[in-house]
Amino acid sequence: SYVITRDEGNDMGVYDFPVTGAPHIHHMNPVTLEDIEYATDNLLNPEYLVCVSQRTHNAIHYGDQSLLPRVPLARTAGDTRLW
């Protein structure tokens, strides 16, 4: 799929978070009945789609943020903030 290729198989298109297992294509905007009935741009426009893992897809739909990948915080000299 174009979306998987564009996102290089990365979860949420985030560099260095490859999807393990089968990738899913997620609609970033909620799909309405009107979108389906009239095949609106929201339905299949790649700008509104993103490659995700099953785990991330479940986190988005079922509200479990603990399932989402986390980007490690970069530490710098003089940084005194805790993680």
Protein backbone atom coordinates (compact mmCIF):
# COMPACT_ATOMS: atom_id res chain seq x y z
CA SER A 1 0.00 0.00 0.00
CA TYR A 2 1.12 3.57 -0.66
CA VAL A 3 0.57 4.53 2.99
CA ILE A 4 2.75 1.70 4.34
CA THR A 5 5.49 2.56 1.84
CA ARG A 6 5.25 6.29 2.56
CA ASP A 7 5.49 5.64 6.32
CA GLU A 8 8.28 3.11 5.69
CA GLY A 9 6.41 0.54 7.76
CA ASN A 10 6.83 2.63 10.91
CA ASP A 11 4.17 2.83 13.60
CA MET A 12 2.30 6.15 13.27
CA GLY A 13 4.90 7.05 10.63
CA VAL A 14 7.44 7.69 13.42
CA TYR A 15 11.00 6.97 12.32
CA ASP A 16 12.61 4.01 14.07
CA PHE A 17 9.33 2.53 15.40
CA PRO A 18 8.81 -0.31 12.90
CA VAL A 19 5.52 -2.16 12.92
CA THR A 20 5.96 -5.76 13.99
CA GLY A 21 3.42 -8.13 12.54
CA ALA A 22 0.88 -7.08 9.94
CA PRO A 23 0.59 -3.30 9.49
CA HIS A 24 -2.82 -1.64 9.61
CA ILE A 25 -3.99 1.49 7.86
CA HIS A 26 -5.72 3.84 10.30
CA HIS A 27 -8.06 6.73 9.45
CA MET A 28 -6.83 9.78 11.34
CA ASN A 29 -10.24 11.41 10.98
CA PRO A 30 -13.33 9.54 12.18
CA VAL A 31 -15.20 7.93 9.27
CA THR A 32 -18.85 8.89 9.04
CA LEU A 33 -21.74 7.18 7.31
CA GLU A 34 -21.71 10.08 4.83
CA ASP A 35 -18.04 9.36 4.02
CA ILE A 36 -18.98 5.79 3.14
CA GLU A 37 -22.21 6.63 1.27
CA TYR A 38 -20.64 9.35 -0.86
CA ALA A 39 -17.04 8.11 -0.99
CA THR A 40 -15.76 11.45 0.33
CA ASP A 41 -12.13 12.51 0.24
CA ASN A 42 -11.86 11.69 3.95
CA LEU A 43 -12.30 8.00 3.21
CA LEU A 44 -9.30 7.12 1.03
CA ASN A 45 -7.12 10.24 0.75
CA PRO A 46 -3.63 9.10 1.88
CA GLU A 47 -3.18 12.43 3.70
CA TYR A 48 -5.77 11.23 6.23
CA LEU A 49 -4.34 7.71 6.64
CA VAL A 50 -1.38 6.41 8.65
CA CYS A 51 0.40 3.08 9.08
CA VAL A 52 -0.03 1.61 12.58
CA SER A 53 0.53 -1.63 14.45
CA GLN A 54 -2.37 -3.65 15.84
CA ARG A 55 -1.30 -2.58 19.32
CA THR A 56 -1.35 1.14 18.45
CA HIS A 57 -4.64 0.74 16.60
CA ASN A 58 -6.18 -0.79 19.75
CA ALA A 59 -4.72 1.96 21.93
CA ILE A 60 -6.29 4.62 19.71
CA HIS A 61 -9.71 2.99 19.58
CA TYR A 62 -9.92 1.71 23.15
CA GLY A 63 -8.11 4.55 24.93
CA ASP A 64 -5.20 2.61 26.47
CA GLN A 65 -2.24 5.00 26.17
CA SER A 66 0.08 2.47 27.81
CA LEU A 67 0.04 0.56 24.50
CA LEU A 68 1.44 3.49 22.49
CA PRO A 69 5.16 3.55 21.62
CA ARG A 70 7.15 6.13 23.53
CA VAL A 71 9.99 8.14 22.06
CA PRO A 72 12.96 8.17 24.47
CA LEU A 73 13.64 11.61 25.91
CA ALA A 74 16.94 13.10 24.80
CA ARG A 75 19.16 14.28 27.62
CA THR A 76 21.47 17.26 27.19
CA ALA A 77 24.27 18.84 29.23
CA GLY A 78 22.83 20.91 32.08
CA ASP A 79 19.44 19.22 31.83
CA THR A 80 18.18 18.87 35.38
CA ARG A 81 14.60 17.76 34.62
CA LEU A 82 13.60 14.30 35.71
CA TRP A 83 12.21 11.91 33.12
